[in-house]
PDB file of all heavy atoms in Angstrom:
ATOM      1  N   MET A   1      12.158 -38.582 -68.346  1.00  0.00           N
ATOM      2  CA  MET A   1      10.985 -39.385 -68.692  1.00  0.00           C
ATOM      3  C   MET A   1      11.230 -40.838 -68.304  1.00  0.00           C
ATOM      4  O   MET A   1      12.196 -41.453 -68.770  1.00  0.00           O
ATOM      5  CB  MET A   1      10.681 -39.273 -70.184  1.00  0.00           C
ATOM      6  CG  MET A   1       9.339 -39.828 -70.582  1.00  0.00           C
ATOM      7  SD  MET A   1       8.888 -39.340 -72.266  1.00  0.00           S
ATOM      8  CE  MET A   1       8.743 -37.558 -72.058  1.00  0.00           C
ATOM      9  N   PRO A   2      10.395 -41.425 -67.462  1.00  0.00           N
ATOM     10  CA  PRO A   2      10.629 -42.793 -67.008  1.00  0.00           C
ATOM     11  C   PRO A   2      10.384 -43.810 -68.114  1.00  0.00           C
ATOM     12  O   PRO A   2       9.532 -43.608 -68.990  1.00  0.00           O
ATOM     13  CB  PRO A   2       9.619 -42.971 -65.864  1.00  0.00           C
ATOM     14  CG  PRO A   2       8.524 -42.000 -66.185  1.00  0.00           C
ATOM     15  CD  PRO A   2       9.192 -40.833 -66.847  1.00  0.00           C
ATOM     16  N   VAL A   3      11.133 -44.895 -68.065  1.00  0.00           N
ATOM     17  CA  VAL A   3      10.941 -46.011 -68.984  1.00  0.00           C
ATOM     18  C   VAL A   3      10.122 -47.076 -68.258  1.00  0.00           C
ATOM     19  O   VAL A   3      10.442 -47.473 -67.138  1.00  0.00           O
ATOM     20  CB  VAL A   3      12.296 -46.591 -69.441  1.00  0.00           C
ATOM     21  CG1 VAL A   3      12.084 -47.851 -70.277  1.00  0.00           C
ATOM     22  CG2 VAL A   3      13.078 -45.541 -70.229  1.00  0.00           C
ATOM     23  N   ILE A   4       9.073 -47.521 -68.879  1.00  0.00           N
ATOM     24  CA  ILE A   4       8.165 -48.496 -68.273  1.00  0.00           C
ATOM     25  C   ILE A   4       8.830 -49.871 -68.307  1.00  0.00           C
ATOM     26  O   ILE A   4       9.309 -50.315 -69.358  1.00  0.00           O
ATOM     27  CB  ILE A   4       6.836 -48.537 -69.043  1.00  0.00           C
ATOM     28  CG1 ILE A   4       6.145 -47.167 -68.985  1.00  0.00           C
ATOM     29  CG2 ILE A   4       5.917 -49.618 -68.499  1.00  0.00           C
ATOM     30  CD1 ILE A   4       5.020 -47.009 -69.979  1.00  0.00           C
ATOM     31  N   PRO A   5       8.892 -50.575 -67.173  1.00  0.00           N
ATOM     32  CA  PRO A   5       9.497 -51.916 -67.166  1.00  0.00           C
ATOM     33  C   PRO A   5       8.754 -52.866 -68.092  1.00  0.00           C
ATOM     34  O   PRO A   5       7.516 -52.809 -68.212  1.00  0.00           O
ATOM     35  CB  PRO A   5       9.363 -52.355 -65.702  1.00  0.00           C
ATOM     36  CG  PRO A   5       9.194 -51.083 -64.928  1.00  0.00           C
ATOM     37  CD  PRO A   5       8.452 -50.162 -65.830  1.00  0.00           C
ATOM     38  N   ALA A   6       9.502 -53.745 -68.741  1.00  0.00           N
ATOM     39  CA  ALA A   6       8.884 -54.734 -69.632  1.00  0.00           C
ATOM     40  C   ALA A   6       7.897 -55.606 -68.870  1.00  0.00           C
ATOM     41  O   ALA A   6       6.877 -56.044 -69.426  1.00  0.00           O
ATOM     42  CB  ALA A   6       9.967 -55.586 -70.281  1.00  0.00           C
ATOM     43  N   GLU A   7       8.192 -55.851 -67.572  1.00  0.00           N
ATOM     44  CA  GLU A   7       7.300 -56.683 -66.766  1.00  0.00           C
ATOM     45  C   GLU A   7       5.910 -56.066 -66.623  1.00  0.00           C
ATOM     46  O   GLU A   7       4.907 -56.780 -66.547  1.00  0.00           O
ATOM     47  CB  GLU A   7       7.900 -56.920 -65.379  1.00  0.00           C
ATOM     48  CG  GLU A   7       9.151 -57.791 -65.372  1.00  0.00           C
ATOM     49  CD  GLU A   7      10.407 -57.021 -65.751  1.00  0.00           C
ATOM     50  OE1 GLU A   7      10.329 -55.787 -65.968  1.00  0.00           O
ATOM     51  OE2 GLU A   7      11.471 -57.661 -65.838  1.00  0.00           O
ATOM     52  N   THR A   8       5.847 -54.730 -66.594  1.00  0.00           N
ATOM     53  CA  THR A   8       4.548 -54.056 -66.492  1.00  0.00           C
ATOM     54  C   THR A   8       3.720 -54.310 -67.736  1.00  0.00           C
ATOM     55  O   THR A   8       2.503 -54.547 -67.668  1.00  0.00           O
ATOM     56  CB  THR A   8       4.742 -52.545 -66.291  1.00  0.00           C
ATOM     57  OG1 THR A   8       5.504 -52.323 -65.098  1.00  0.00           O
ATOM     58  CG2 THR A   8       3.402 -51.827 -66.181  1.00  0.00           C
ATOM     59  N   VAL A   9       4.389 -54.262 -68.884  1.00  0.00           N
ATOM     60  CA  VAL A   9       3.682 -54.537 -70.135  1.00  0.00           C
ATOM     61  C   VAL A   9       3.230 -56.000 -70.174  1.00  0.00           C
ATOM     62  O   VAL A   9       2.083 -56.303 -70.522  1.00  0.00           O
ATOM     63  CB  VAL A   9       4.572 -54.215 -71.353  1.00  0.00           C
ATOM     64  CG1 VAL A   9       3.827 -54.501 -72.652  1.00  0.00           C
ATOM     65  CG2 VAL A   9       5.029 -52.763 -71.305  1.00  0.00           C
ATOM     66  N   ALA A  10       4.128 -56.908 -69.792  1.00  0.00           N
ATOM     67  CA  ALA A  10       3.786 -58.332 -69.804  1.00  0.00           C
ATOM     68  C   ALA A  10       2.621 -58.632 -68.864  1.00  0.00           C
ATOM     69  O   ALA A  10       1.706 -59.399 -69.208  1.00  0.00           O
ATOM     70  CB  ALA A  10       5.007 -59.163 -69.416  1.00  0.00           C
ATOM     71  N   ASP A  11       2.631 -58.031 -67.677  1.00  0.00           N
ATOM     72  CA  ASP A  11       1.533 -58.244 -66.725  1.00  0.00           C
ATOM     73  C   ASP A  11       0.208 -57.740 -67.287  1.00  0.00           C
ATOM     74  O   ASP A  11      -0.845 -58.351 -67.086  1.00  0.00           O
ATOM     75  CB  ASP A  11       1.833 -57.544 -65.399  1.00  0.00           C
ATOM     76  CG  ASP A  11       2.940 -58.226 -64.607  1.00  0.00           C
ATOM     77  OD1 ASP A  11       3.270 -59.380 -64.921  1.00  0.00           O
ATOM     78  OD2 ASP A  11       3.474 -57.588 -63.674  1.00  0.00           O
ATOM     79  N   THR A  12       0.265 -56.617 -67.995  1.00  0.00           N
ATOM     80  CA  THR A  12      -0.958 -56.067 -68.577  1.00  0.00           C
ATOM     81  C   THR A  12      -1.484 -56.968 -69.685  1.00  0.00           C
ATOM     82  O   THR A  12      -2.696 -57.214 -69.787  1.00  0.00           O
ATOM     83  CB  THR A  12      -0.706 -54.652 -69.120  1.00  0.00           C
ATOM     84  OG1 THR A  12      -0.201 -53.824 -68.071  1.00  0.00           O
ATOM     85  CG2 THR A  12      -1.990 -54.035 -69.662  1.00  0.00           C
ATOM     86  N   VAL A  13      -0.593 -57.473 -70.513  1.00  0.00           N
ATOM     87  CA  VAL A  13      -1.008 -58.412 -71.562  1.00  0.00           C
ATOM     88  C   VAL A  13      -1.669 -59.634 -70.938  1.00  0.00           C
ATOM     89  O   VAL A  13      -2.712 -60.115 -71.422  1.00  0.00           O
ATOM     90  CB  VAL A  13       0.198 -58.825 -72.427  1.00  0.00           C
ATOM     91  CG1 VAL A  13      -0.175 -59.977 -73.357  1.00  0.00           C
ATOM     92  CG2 VAL A  13       0.701 -57.638 -73.247  1.00  0.00           C
ATOM     93  N   LEU A  14      -1.094 -60.134 -69.847  1.00  0.00           N
ATOM     94  CA  LEU A  14      -1.678 -61.295 -69.175  1.00  0.00           C
ATOM     95  C   LEU A  14      -3.067 -60.973 -68.634  1.00  0.00           C
ATOM     96  O   LEU A  14      -3.986 -61.801 -68.728  1.00  0.00           O
ATOM     97  CB  LEU A  14      -0.762 -61.755 -68.042  1.00  0.00           C
ATOM     98  CG  LEU A  14      -1.170 -63.038 -67.316  1.00  0.00           C
ATOM     99  CD1 LEU A  14      -1.240 -64.202 -68.285  1.00  0.00           C
ATOM    100  CD2 LEU A  14      -0.192 -63.344 -66.184  1.00  0.00           C
ATOM    101  N   ARG A  15      -3.242 -59.769 -68.090  1.00  0.00           N
ATOM    102  CA  ARG A  15      -4.569 -59.357 -67.616  1.00  0.00           C
ATOM    103  C   ARG A  15      -5.584 -59.342 -68.750  1.00  0.00           C
ATOM    104  O   ARG A  15      -6.737 -59.752 -68.589  1.00  0.00           O
ATOM    105  CB  ARG A  15      -4.488 -57.969 -66.967  1.00  0.00           C
ATOM    106  CG  ARG A  15      -3.793 -57.928 -65.625  1.00  0.00           C
ATOM    107  CD  ARG A  15      -3.674 -56.512 -65.104  1.00  0.00           C
ATOM    108  NE  ARG A  15      -4.974 -55.885 -64.883  1.00  0.00           N
ATOM    109  CZ  ARG A  15      -5.142 -54.613 -64.516  1.00  0.00           C
ATOM    110  NH1 ARG A  15      -4.071 -53.840 -64.329  1.00  0.00           N
ATOM    111  NH2 ARG A  15      -6.337 -54.123 -64.313  1.00  0.00           N
ATOM    112  N   ILE A  16      -5.149 -58.869 -69.901  1.00  0.00           N
ATOM    113  CA  ILE A  16      -6.050 -58.820 -71.055  1.00  0.00           C
ATOM    114  C   ILE A  16      -6.405 -60.234 -71.512  1.00  0.00           C
ATOM    115  O   ILE A  16      -7.571 -60.545 -71.783  1.00  0.00           O
ATOM    116  CB  ILE A  16      -5.406 -58.021 -72.201  1.00  0.00           C
ATOM    117  CG1 ILE A  16      -5.152 -56.571 -71.779  1.00  0.00           C
ATOM    118  CG2 ILE A  16      -6.304 -58.048 -73.440  1.00  0.00           C
ATOM    119  CD1 ILE A  16      -4.317 -55.785 -72.772  1.00  0.00           C
ATOM    120  N   LEU A  17      -5.390 -61.093 -71.601  1.00  0.00           N
ATOM    121  CA  LEU A  17      -5.617 -62.452 -72.080  1.00  0.00           C
ATOM    122  C   LEU A  17      -6.533 -63.242 -71.168  1.00  0.00           C
ATOM    123  O   LEU A  17      -7.303 -64.089 -71.621  1.00  0.00           O
ATOM    124  CB  LEU A  17      -4.277 -63.187 -72.226  1.00  0.00           C
ATOM    125  CG  LEU A  17      -3.382 -62.735 -73.388  1.00  0.00           C
ATOM    126  CD1 LEU A  17      -2.012 -63.391 -73.276  1.00  0.00           C
ATOM    127  CD2 LEU A  17      -4.020 -63.054 -74.730  1.00  0.00           C
ATOM    128  N   THR A  18      -6.447 -62.993 -69.874  1.00  0.00           N
ATOM    129  CA  THR A  18      -7.249 -63.752 -68.914  1.00  0.00           C
ATOM    130  C   THR A  18      -8.553 -63.047 -68.556  1.00  0.00           C
ATOM    131  O   THR A  18      -9.324 -63.568 -67.755  1.00  0.00           O
ATOM    132  CB  THR A  18      -6.434 -64.019 -67.631  1.00  0.00           C
ATOM    133  OG1 THR A  18      -6.001 -62.775 -67.078  1.00  0.00           O
ATOM    134  CG2 THR A  18      -5.229 -64.889 -67.932  1.00  0.00           C
ATOM    135  N   GLY A  19      -8.792 -61.879 -69.116  1.00  0.00           N
ATOM    136  CA  GLY A  19     -10.032 -61.154 -68.853  1.00  0.00           C
ATOM    137  C   GLY A  19     -11.138 -61.590 -69.789  1.00  0.00           C
ATOM    138  O   GLY A  19     -11.047 -62.620 -70.463  1.00  0.00           O
ATOM    139  N   ASP A  20     -12.189 -60.783 -69.845  1.00  0.00           N
ATOM    140  CA  ASP A  20     -13.302 -61.128 -70.727  1.00  0.00           C
ATOM    141  C   ASP A  20     -13.682 -59.988 -71.670  1.00  0.00           C
ATOM    142  O   ASP A  20     -14.673 -60.075 -72.387  1.00  0.00           O
ATOM    143  CB  ASP A  20     -14.528 -61.547 -69.912  1.00  0.00           C
ATOM    144  CG  ASP A  20     -14.973 -60.474 -68.916  1.00  0.00           C
ATOM    145  OD1 ASP A  20     -14.449 -59.340 -68.971  1.00  0.00           O
ATOM    146  OD2 ASP A  20     -15.843 -60.784 -68.077  1.00  0.00           O
ATOM    147  N   GLY A  21     -12.874 -58.926 -71.694  1.00  0.00           N
ATOM    148  CA  GLY A  21     -13.176 -57.801 -72.564  1.00  0.00           C
ATOM    149  C   GLY A  21     -12.764 -58.069 -74.003  1.00  0.00           C
ATOM    150  O   GLY A  21     -11.945 -58.949 -74.286  1.00  0.00           O
ATOM    151  N   THR A  22     -13.319 -57.302 -74.924  1.00  0.00           N
ATOM    152  CA  THR A  22     -12.912 -57.377 -76.321  1.00  0.00           C
ATOM    153  C   THR A  22     -13.099 -56.008 -76.968  1.00  0.00           C
ATOM    154  O   THR A  22     -13.945 -55.216 -76.537  1.00  0.00           O
ATOM    155  CB  THR A  22     -13.705 -58.454 -77.086  1.00  0.00           C
ATOM    156  OG1 THR A  22     -13.079 -58.684 -78.363  1.00  0.00           O
ATOM    157  CG2 THR A  22     -15.154 -58.051 -77.308  1.00  0.00           C
ATOM    158  N   GLY A  23     -12.266 -55.721 -77.937  1.00  0.00           N
ATOM    159  CA  GLY A  23     -12.305 -54.408 -78.572  1.00  0.00           C
ATOM    160  C   GLY A  23     -11.726 -53.315 -77.700  1.00  0.00           C
ATOM    161  O   GLY A  23     -11.937 -52.133 -77.958  1.00  0.00           O
ATOM    162  N   GLU A  24     -10.949 -53.697 -76.670  1.00  0.00           N
ATOM    163  CA  GLU A  24     -10.382 -52.718 -75.743  1.00  0.00           C
ATOM    164  C   GLU A  24      -8.951 -52.356 -76.131  1.00  0.00           C
ATOM    165  O   GLU A  24      -8.232 -53.151 -76.728  1.00  0.00           O
ATOM    166  CB  GLU A  24     -10.398 -53.257 -74.315  1.00  0.00           C
ATOM    167  CG  GLU A  24     -11.796 -53.500 -73.777  1.00  0.00           C
ATOM    168  CD  GLU A  24     -11.804 -54.083 -72.382  1.00  0.00           C
ATOM    169  OE1 GLU A  24     -10.777 -54.666 -71.967  1.00  0.00           O
ATOM    170  OE2 GLU A  24     -12.835 -53.971 -71.696  1.00  0.00           O
ATOM    171  N   CYS A  25      -8.551 -51.141 -75.741  1.00  0.00           N
ATOM    172  CA  CYS A  25      -7.188 -50.664 -75.963  1.00  0.00           C
ATOM    173  C   CYS A  25      -6.643 -50.191 -74.624  1.00  0.00           C
ATOM    174  O   CYS A  25      -6.998 -49.112 -74.146  1.00  0.00           O
ATOM    175  CB  CYS A  25      -7.181 -49.522 -76.986  1.00  0.00           C
ATOM    176  SG  CYS A  25      -7.834 -50.000 -78.600  1.00  0.00           S
ATOM    177  N   TRP A  26      -5.801 -51.002 -74.024  1.00  0.00           N
ATOM    178  CA  TRP A  26      -5.287 -50.732 -72.685  1.00  0.00           C
ATOM    179  C   TRP A  26      -4.060 -49.833 -72.751  1.00  0.00           C
ATOM    180  O   TRP A  26      -3.057 -50.193 -73.369  1.00  0.00           O
ATOM    181  CB  TRP A  26      -4.910 -52.041 -72.003  1.00  0.00           C
ATOM    182  CG  TRP A  26      -6.071 -52.844 -71.524  1.00  0.00           C
ATOM    183  CD1 TRP A  26      -7.089 -53.357 -72.275  1.00  0.00           C
ATOM    184  CD2 TRP A  26      -6.319 -53.259 -70.174  1.00  0.00           C
ATOM    185  NE1 TRP A  26      -7.965 -54.058 -71.487  1.00  0.00           N
ATOM    186  CE2 TRP A  26      -7.515 -54.019 -70.194  1.00  0.00           C
ATOM    187  CE3 TRP A  26      -5.653 -53.080 -68.976  1.00  0.00           C
ATOM    188  CZ2 TRP A  26      -8.060 -54.576 -69.048  1.00  0.00           C
ATOM    189  CZ3 TRP A  26      -6.188 -53.637 -67.824  1.00  0.00           C
ATOM    190  CH2 TRP A  26      -7.379 -54.378 -67.867  1.00  0.00           C
ATOM    191  N   PHE A  27      -4.125 -48.667 -72.114  1.00  0.00           N
ATOM    192  CA  PHE A  27      -2.961 -47.790 -72.069  1.00  0.00           C
ATOM    193  C   PHE A  27      -2.059 -48.179 -70.900  1.00  0.00           C
ATOM    194  O   PHE A  27      -2.519 -48.671 -69.865  1.00  0.00           O
ATOM    195  CB  PHE A  27      -3.361 -46.316 -71.969  1.00  0.00           C
ATOM    196  CG  PHE A  27      -3.998 -45.911 -70.670  1.00  0.00           C
ATOM    197  CD1 PHE A  27      -3.223 -45.608 -69.555  1.00  0.00           C
ATOM    198  CD2 PHE A  27      -5.375 -45.820 -70.559  1.00  0.00           C
ATOM    199  CE1 PHE A  27      -3.811 -45.237 -68.348  1.00  0.00           C
ATOM    200  CE2 PHE A  27      -5.974 -45.442 -69.366  1.00  0.00           C
ATOM    201  CZ  PHE A  27      -5.186 -45.146 -68.254  1.00  0.00           C
ATOM    202  N   ILE A  28      -0.762 -47.998 -71.105  1.00  0.00           N
ATOM    203  CA  ILE A  28       0.234 -48.210 -70.046  1.00  0.00           C
ATOM    204  C   ILE A  28       1.076 -46.952 -69.986  1.00  0.00           C
ATOM    205  O   ILE A  28       1.863 -46.669 -70.889  1.00  0.00           O
ATOM    206  CB  ILE A  28       1.120 -49.431 -70.314  1.00  0.00           C
ATOM    207  CG1 ILE A  28       0.261 -50.680 -70.567  1.00  0.00           C
ATOM    208  CG2 ILE A  28       2.065 -49.663 -69.138  1.00  0.00           C
ATOM    209  CD1 ILE A  28       1.071 -51.912 -70.903  1.00  0.00           C
ATOM    210  N   GLN A  29       0.902 -46.201 -68.924  1.00  0.00           N
ATOM    211  CA  GLN A  29       1.579 -44.915 -68.739  1.00  0.00           C
ATOM    212  C   GLN A  29       2.254 -44.919 -67.372  1.00  0.00           C
ATOM    213  O   GLN A  29       1.660 -45.381 -66.391  1.00  0.00           O
ATOM    214  CB  GLN A  29       0.569 -43.769 -68.842  1.00  0.00           C
ATOM    215  CG  GLN A  29       1.178 -42.383 -68.778  1.00  0.00           C
ATOM    216  CD  GLN A  29       0.099 -41.315 -68.840  1.00  0.00           C
ATOM    217  OE1 GLN A  29      -0.961 -41.444 -68.218  1.00  0.00           O
ATOM    218  NE2 GLN A  29       0.363 -40.260 -69.595  1.00  0.00           N
ATOM    219  N   ALA A  30       3.474 -44.432 -67.320  1.00  0.00           N
ATOM    220  CA  ALA A  30       4.207 -44.396 -66.056  1.00  0.00           C
ATOM    221  C   ALA A  30       3.406 -43.636 -64.993  1.00  0.00           C
ATOM    222  O   ALA A  30       2.867 -42.560 -65.263  1.00  0.00           O
ATOM    223  CB  ALA A  30       5.567 -43.731 -66.250  1.00  0.00           C
ATOM    224  N   GLY A  31       3.299 -44.215 -63.813  1.00  0.00           N
ATOM    225  CA  GLY A  31       2.610 -43.561 -62.715  1.00  0.00           C
ATOM    226  C   GLY A  31       1.112 -43.768 -62.673  1.00  0.00           C
ATOM    227  O   GLY A  31       0.443 -43.229 -61.787  1.00  0.00           O
TER     228      GLY A  31
END
């Protein structure tokens, strides 16, 4: 089972912070 790099999570958080959505739940799954 692959381990997701911390950078992938950080990049996703940055996308959320700089986006315009609200009430969203972003999944992060390998592949």
